[in-house]
Amino acid sequence: MRMSAVLAPLLISLAPIAAQAACERAMCIVPKDDMNFTKLIDFEDVPASIGLSSRIDNVLVNGGAGETLGAMHMRGTIVLQGHGPRVYPSVEAVGEGAIAILFDRDQPALSFDIKGGEQEFASVQFLRRDGSAIDTLTIGPLSEASYGFARQKMQPDIAGILILNTDPQGIALDNLRFEGVDLMG
């Protein structure tokens, strides 16, 4: 057996650790497919509408009147999106607002899918339980893509995230993955 045939699987399994080790920030962007999570929120059980989106009123914190979260059908799935400053029920508000997520337990890593996107950018702020910032990463140019994030040294202190975007058509979130991360695949 050739040595390269023996080493190849080992090198592939170490790739996510190497990607994280190369990152010198508090938060690192890592390949989503290199992590295994035990929790998935796909929003398929959230009441949703087609087009404008349905308004979700039972959230912990709203923005101003009409600046809340919404769920809508988008290309065969239900996605979560924020209603922005043009406020619900204006169609121009869909996808323009912030999305904030608070986890029950602190996490070392997470991933999600962005739906929509017209080549602009989003910032993802990672927060501790006391509300202090761990780091803020900019992702983009936005299009439909999956993003994975890991805390440097896999420190489990991500209590929540805040996603803001500058995309002209707005964005939506799908397939939030977290908990039970195994970077060895």
C-alpha atoms as a PDB file:
ATOM      1  CA  MET A   1       0.000   0.000   0.000  1.00  0.00           C
ATOM      2  CA  ARG A   2       1.339   3.415  -0.936  1.00  0.00           C
ATOM      3  CA  MET A   3       2.009   5.870   1.882  1.00  0.00           C
ATOM      4  CA  SER A   4      -0.183   8.527   0.194  1.00  0.00           C
ATOM      5  CA  ALA A   5      -3.174   6.132   0.328  1.00  0.00           C
ATOM      6  CA  VAL A   6      -2.686   5.785   4.087  1.00  0.00           C
ATOM      7  CA  LEU A   7      -2.130   9.497   4.771  1.00  0.00           C
ATOM      8  CA  ALA A   8      -4.916  10.917   2.570  1.00  0.00           C
ATOM      9  CA  PRO A   9      -7.835   9.988   4.899  1.00  0.00           C
ATOM     10  CA  LEU A  10      -5.912  11.303   7.910  1.00  0.00           C
ATOM     11  CA  LEU A  11      -5.152  14.614   6.215  1.00  0.00           C
ATOM     12  CA  ILE A  12      -8.772  15.021   5.126  1.00  0.00           C
ATOM     13  CA  SER A  13     -10.031  14.390   8.682  1.00  0.00           C
ATOM     14  CA  LEU A  14      -7.592  16.981  10.064  1.00  0.00           C
ATOM     15  CA  ALA A  15      -8.585  19.669   7.521  1.00  0.00           C
ATOM     16  CA  PRO A  16     -11.202  21.418   9.735  1.00  0.00           C
ATOM     17  CA  ILE A  17      -8.782  21.561  12.658  1.00  0.00           C
ATOM     18  CA  ALA A  18      -6.083  22.984  10.397  1.00  0.00           C
ATOM     19  CA  ALA A  19      -8.511  25.589   8.999  1.00  0.00           C
ATOM     20  CA  GLN A  20      -9.457  26.630  12.514  1.00  0.00           C
ATOM     21  CA  ALA A  21      -5.832  26.668  13.701  1.00  0.00           C
ATOM     22  CA  ALA A  22      -4.935  28.962  10.782  1.00  0.00           C
ATOM     23  CA  CYS A  23      -7.539  31.451  11.982  1.00  0.00           C
ATOM     24  CA  GLU A  24      -6.209  33.865  14.554  1.00  0.00           C
ATOM     25  CA  ARG A  25      -9.543  35.540  15.342  1.00  0.00           C
ATOM     26  CA  ALA A  26     -11.884  34.718  18.216  1.00  0.00           C
ATOM     27  CA  MET A  27     -14.331  33.280  15.628  1.00  0.00           C
ATOM     28  CA  CYS A  28     -13.324  31.387  12.517  1.00  0.00           C
ATOM     29  CA  ILE A  29     -15.194  30.611   9.314  1.00  0.00           C
ATOM     30  CA  VAL A  30     -14.906  26.869   8.726  1.00  0.00           C
ATOM     31  CA  PRO A  31     -16.411  24.537   6.118  1.00  0.00           C
ATOM     32  CA  LYS A  32     -19.931  23.608   7.252  1.00  0.00           C
ATOM     33  CA  ASP A  33     -19.603  20.117   5.825  1.00  0.00           C
ATOM     34  CA  ASP A  34     -16.592  19.392   8.032  1.00  0.00           C
ATOM     35  CA  MET A  35     -18.697  19.599  11.200  1.00  0.00           C
ATOM     36  CA  ASN A  36     -21.354  17.255  12.551  1.00  0.00           C
ATOM     37  CA  PHE A  37     -24.121  18.778  14.645  1.00  0.00           C
ATOM     38  CA  THR A  38     -26.892  17.098  16.623  1.00  0.00           C
ATOM     39  CA  LYS A  39     -29.447  19.947  16.436  1.00  0.00           C
ATOM     40  CA  LEU A  40     -31.084  21.305  13.295  1.00  0.00           C
ATOM     41  CA  ILE A  41     -33.709  24.021  13.129  1.00  0.00           C
ATOM     42  CA  ASP A  42     -35.099  24.100   9.597  1.00  0.00           C
ATOM     43  CA  PHE A  43     -38.157  26.303  10.331  1.00  0.00           C
ATOM     44  CA  GLU A  44     -40.450  23.824   8.530  1.00  0.00           C
ATOM     45  CA  ASP A  45     -42.856  23.818  11.495  1.00  0.00           C
ATOM     46  CA  VAL A  46     -43.180  27.628  11.636  1.00  0.00           C
ATOM     47  CA  PRO A  47     -46.435  28.999  10.180  1.00  0.00           C
ATOM     48  CA  ALA A  48     -45.467  30.712   6.932  1.00  0.00           C
ATOM     49  CA  SER A  49     -46.991  32.368   3.919  1.00  0.00           C
ATOM     50  CA  ILE A  50     -46.036  32.833   0.304  1.00  0.00           C
ATOM     51  CA  GLY A  51     -44.761  36.235  -0.814  1.00  0.00           C
ATOM     52  CA  LEU A  52     -44.938  38.847   1.923  1.00  0.00           C
ATOM     53  CA  SER A  53     -44.226  36.327   4.730  1.00  0.00           C
ATOM     54  CA  SER A  54     -46.098  35.764   7.920  1.00  0.00           C
ATOM     55  CA  ARG A  55     -45.266  37.802  10.953  1.00  0.00           C
ATOM     56  CA  ILE A  56     -43.902  36.020  14.009  1.00  0.00           C
ATOM     57  CA  ASP A  57     -45.052  37.870  17.090  1.00  0.00           C
ATOM     58  CA  ASN A  58     -43.929  35.505  19.846  1.00  0.00           C
ATOM     59  CA  VAL A  59     -40.271  36.530  19.820  1.00  0.00           C
ATOM     60  CA  LEU A  60     -38.405  37.708  22.893  1.00  0.00           C
ATOM     61  CA  VAL A  61     -37.416  41.121  21.535  1.00  0.00           C
ATOM     62  CA  ASN A  62     -38.995  43.141  18.731  1.00  0.00           C
ATOM     63  CA  GLY A  63     -37.573  46.164  17.029  1.00  0.00           C
ATOM     64  CA  GLY A  64     -39.991  49.045  16.593  1.00  0.00           C
ATOM     65  CA  ALA A  65     -43.580  48.474  15.510  1.00  0.00           C
ATOM     66  CA  GLY A  66     -43.553  46.129  12.524  1.00  0.00           C
ATOM     67  CA  GLU A  67     -39.833  45.329  12.844  1.00  0.00           C
ATOM     68  CA  THR A  68     -40.032  41.688  13.780  1.00  0.00           C
ATOM     69  CA  LEU A  69     -39.305  38.266  12.333  1.00  0.00           C
ATOM     70  CA  GLY A  70     -41.199  36.565   9.559  1.00  0.00           C
ATOM     71  CA  ALA A  71     -41.376  33.158   7.951  1.00  0.00           C
ATOM     72  CA  MET A  72     -42.049  32.516   4.302  1.00  0.00           C
ATOM     73  CA  HIS A  73     -42.023  29.794   1.683  1.00  0.00           C
ATOM     74  CA  MET A  74     -38.976  30.123  -0.545  1.00  0.00           C
ATOM     75  CA  ARG A  75     -38.099  27.583  -3.221  1.00  0.00           C
ATOM     76  CA  GLY A  76     -39.621  24.562  -1.498  1.00  0.00           C
ATOM     77  CA  THR A  77     -38.602  25.384   2.066  1.00  0.00           C
ATOM     78  CA  ILE A  78     -39.649  27.695   4.898  1.00  0.00           C
ATOM     79  CA  VAL A  79     -37.100  30.350   5.854  1.00  0.00           C
ATOM     80  CA  LEU A  80     -36.746  32.873   8.654  1.00  0.00           C
ATOM     81  CA  GLN A  81     -36.211  36.529   7.788  1.00  0.00           C
ATOM     82  CA  GLY A  82     -36.200  39.877   9.523  1.00  0.00           C
ATOM     83  CA  HIS A  83     -38.652  42.677   8.706  1.00  0.00           C
ATOM     84  CA  GLY A  84     -36.591  45.835   8.336  1.00  0.00           C
ATOM     85  CA  PRO A  85     -37.156  49.556   8.864  1.00  0.00           C
ATOM     86  CA  ARG A  86     -39.811  49.794   6.135  1.00  0.00           C
ATOM     87  CA  VAL A  87     -41.833  47.618   8.562  1.00  0.00           C
ATOM     88  CA  TYR A  88     -44.276  44.790   8.191  1.00  0.00           C
ATOM     89  CA  PRO A  89     -46.524  44.474   6.167  1.00  0.00           C
ATOM     90  CA  SER A  90     -44.536  46.359   3.506  1.00  0.00           C
ATOM     91  CA  VAL A  91     -43.015  43.965   0.976  1.00  0.00           C
ATOM     92  CA  GLU A  92     -39.875  46.153   1.013  1.00  0.00           C
ATOM     93  CA  ALA A  93     -39.308  45.168   4.662  1.00  0.00           C
ATOM     94  CA  VAL A  94     -38.968  41.432   3.937  1.00  0.00           C
ATOM     95  CA  GLY A  95     -35.423  40.199   4.542  1.00  0.00           C
ATOM     96  CA  GLU A  96     -34.111  43.668   5.379  1.00  0.00           C
ATOM     97  CA  GLY A  97     -34.213  43.341   9.177  1.00  0.00           C
ATOM     98  CA  ALA A  98     -31.943  41.791  11.760  1.00  0.00           C
ATOM     99  CA  ILE A  99     -32.158  38.174  12.871  1.00  0.00           C
ATOM    100  CA  ALA A 100     -31.158  37.480  16.469  1.00  0.00           C
ATOM    101  CA  ILE A 101     -30.847  33.991  17.923  1.00  0.00           C
ATOM    102  CA  LEU A 102     -30.313  33.039  21.560  1.00  0.00           C
ATOM    103  CA  PHE A 103     -29.233  29.464  22.346  1.00  0.00           C
ATOM    104  CA  ASP A 104     -30.392  27.623  25.469  1.00  0.00           C
ATOM    105  CA  ARG A 105     -26.796  26.491  26.083  1.00  0.00           C
ATOM    106  CA  ASP A 106     -23.533  28.129  25.023  1.00  0.00           C
ATOM    107  CA  GLN A 107     -22.091  26.729  21.798  1.00  0.00           C
ATOM    108  CA  PRO A 108     -18.549  26.268  20.434  1.00  0.00           C
ATOM    109  CA  ALA A 109     -19.685  26.246  16.781  1.00  0.00           C
ATOM    110  CA  LEU A 110     -22.713  26.615  14.500  1.00  0.00           C
ATOM    111  CA  SER A 111     -23.693  26.831  10.876  1.00  0.00           C
ATOM    112  CA  PHE A 112     -26.583  28.116   8.796  1.00  0.00           C
ATOM    113  CA  ASP A 113     -27.701  28.565   5.203  1.00  0.00           C
ATOM    114  CA  ILE A 114     -28.334  31.962   3.644  1.00  0.00           C
ATOM    115  CA  LYS A 115     -31.193  32.098   1.161  1.00  0.00           C
ATOM    116  CA  GLY A 116     -31.433  34.967  -1.284  1.00  0.00           C
ATOM    117  CA  GLY A 117     -28.614  37.436  -1.581  1.00  0.00           C
ATOM    118  CA  GLU A 118     -27.703  39.882  -4.313  1.00  0.00           C
ATOM    119  CA  GLN A 119     -23.922  40.036  -3.854  1.00  0.00           C
ATOM    120  CA  GLU A 120     -23.874  42.410  -0.874  1.00  0.00           C
ATOM    121  CA  PHE A 121     -22.718  41.570   2.657  1.00  0.00           C
ATOM    122  CA  ALA A 122     -23.912  40.526   6.096  1.00  0.00           C
ATOM    123  CA  SER A 123     -22.295  40.813   9.482  1.00  0.00           C
ATOM    124  CA  VAL A 124     -22.617  38.048  12.040  1.00  0.00           C
ATOM    125  CA  GLN A 125     -22.009  39.151  15.607  1.00  0.00           C
ATOM    126  CA  PHE A 126     -21.267  36.385  18.114  1.00  0.00           C
ATOM    127  CA  LEU A 127     -22.341  37.162  21.681  1.00  0.00           C
ATOM    128  CA  ARG A 128     -21.652  35.799  25.155  1.00  0.00           C
ATOM    129  CA  ARG A 129     -24.407  35.152  27.710  1.00  0.00           C
ATOM    130  CA  ASP A 130     -23.760  38.561  29.348  1.00  0.00           C
ATOM    131  CA  GLY A 131     -24.290  40.287  25.967  1.00  0.00           C
ATOM    132  CA  SER A 132     -20.635  41.120  25.372  1.00  0.00           C
ATOM    133  CA  ALA A 133     -19.277  40.595  21.862  1.00  0.00           C
ATOM    134  CA  ILE A 134     -16.943  37.703  21.092  1.00  0.00           C
ATOM    135  CA  ASP A 135     -16.305  38.771  17.493  1.00  0.00           C
ATOM    136  CA  THR A 136     -18.075  40.085  14.392  1.00  0.00           C
ATOM    137  CA  LEU A 137     -17.441  38.489  11.004  1.00  0.00           C
ATOM    138  CA  THR A 138     -18.484  39.809   7.601  1.00  0.00           C
ATOM    139  CA  ILE A 139     -19.717  37.260   5.078  1.00  0.00           C
ATOM    140  CA  GLY A 140     -20.299  37.771   1.392  1.00  0.00           C
ATOM    141  CA  PRO A 141     -20.704  38.699  -1.347  1.00  0.00           C
ATOM    142  CA  LEU A 142     -23.999  37.050  -0.476  1.00  0.00           C
ATOM    143  CA  SER A 143     -25.709  34.423  -2.530  1.00  0.00           C
ATOM    144  CA  GLU A 144     -27.358  31.174  -1.548  1.00  0.00           C
ATOM    145  CA  ALA A 145     -24.644  29.460   0.478  1.00  0.00           C
ATOM    146  CA  SER A 146     -23.888  27.622   3.707  1.00  0.00           C
ATOM    147  CA  TYR A 147     -21.624  29.085   6.373  1.00  0.00           C
ATOM    148  CA  GLY A 148     -19.882  27.362   9.281  1.00  0.00           C
ATOM    149  CA  PHE A 149     -18.350  29.106  12.284  1.00  0.00           C
ATOM    150  CA  ALA A 150     -16.218  27.797  15.133  1.00  0.00           C
ATOM    151  CA  ARG A 151     -14.918  29.436  18.262  1.00  0.00           C
ATOM    152  CA  GLN A 152     -11.122  29.560  18.529  1.00  0.00           C
ATOM    153  CA  LYS A 153     -10.038  26.474  20.521  1.00  0.00           C
ATOM    154  CA  MET A 154     -13.697  25.357  20.456  1.00  0.00           C
ATOM    155  CA  GLN A 155     -14.489  27.405  23.562  1.00  0.00           C
ATOM    156  CA  PRO A 156     -18.229  26.916  24.259  1.00  0.00           C
ATOM    157  CA  ASP A 157     -19.283  30.492  24.998  1.00  0.00           C
ATOM    158  CA  ILE A 158     -21.450  31.503  22.018  1.00  0.00           C
ATOM    159  CA  ALA A 159     -24.793  32.315  23.659  1.00  0.00           C
ATOM    160  CA  GLY A 160     -26.291  34.023  20.639  1.00  0.00           C
ATOM    161  CA  ILE A 161     -25.799  35.611  17.251  1.00  0.00           C
ATOM    162  CA  LEU A 162     -27.050  38.737  15.531  1.00  0.00           C
ATOM    163  CA  ILE A 163     -27.188  38.821  11.723  1.00  0.00           C
ATOM    164  CA  LEU A 164     -27.453  42.164   9.904  1.00  0.00           C
ATOM    165  CA  ASN A 165     -27.320  42.637   6.138  1.00  0.00           C
ATOM    166  CA  THR A 166     -26.901  45.312   3.485  1.00  0.00           C
ATOM    167  CA  ASP A 167     -28.315  43.212   0.669  1.00  0.00           C
ATOM    168  CA  PRO A 168     -30.695  45.216  -1.584  1.00  0.00           C
ATOM    169  CA  GLN A 169     -33.246  42.368  -1.770  1.00  0.00           C
ATOM    170  CA  GLY A 170     -32.673  41.115   1.765  1.00  0.00           C
ATOM    171  CA  ILE A 171     -31.748  37.649   2.967  1.00  0.00           C
ATOM    172  CA  ALA A 172     -33.326  34.767   4.824  1.00  0.00           C
ATOM    173  CA  LEU A 173     -31.928  32.081   7.108  1.00  0.00           C
ATOM    174  CA  ASP A 174     -32.458  28.325   6.897  1.00  0.00           C
ATOM    175  CA  ASN A 175     -31.037  25.165   8.461  1.00  0.00           C
ATOM    176  CA  LEU A 176     -29.506  26.461  11.675  1.00  0.00           C
ATOM    177  CA  ARG A 177     -27.182  23.726  12.959  1.00  0.00           C
ATOM    178  CA  PHE A 178     -25.556  23.607  16.395  1.00  0.00           C
ATOM    179  CA  GLU A 179     -24.738  21.457  19.425  1.00  0.00           C
ATOM    180  CA  GLY A 180     -22.741  18.251  19.556  1.00  0.00           C
ATOM    181  CA  VAL A 181     -20.182  19.467  17.056  1.00  0.00           C
ATOM    182  CA  ASP A 182     -17.520  16.924  16.137  1.00  0.00           C
ATOM    183  CA  LEU A 183     -14.792  18.495  14.045  1.00  0.00           C
ATOM    184  CA  MET A 184     -13.330  15.130  13.147  1.00  0.00           C
ATOM    185  CA  GLY A 185     -16.349  14.374  10.935  1.00  0.00           C
END
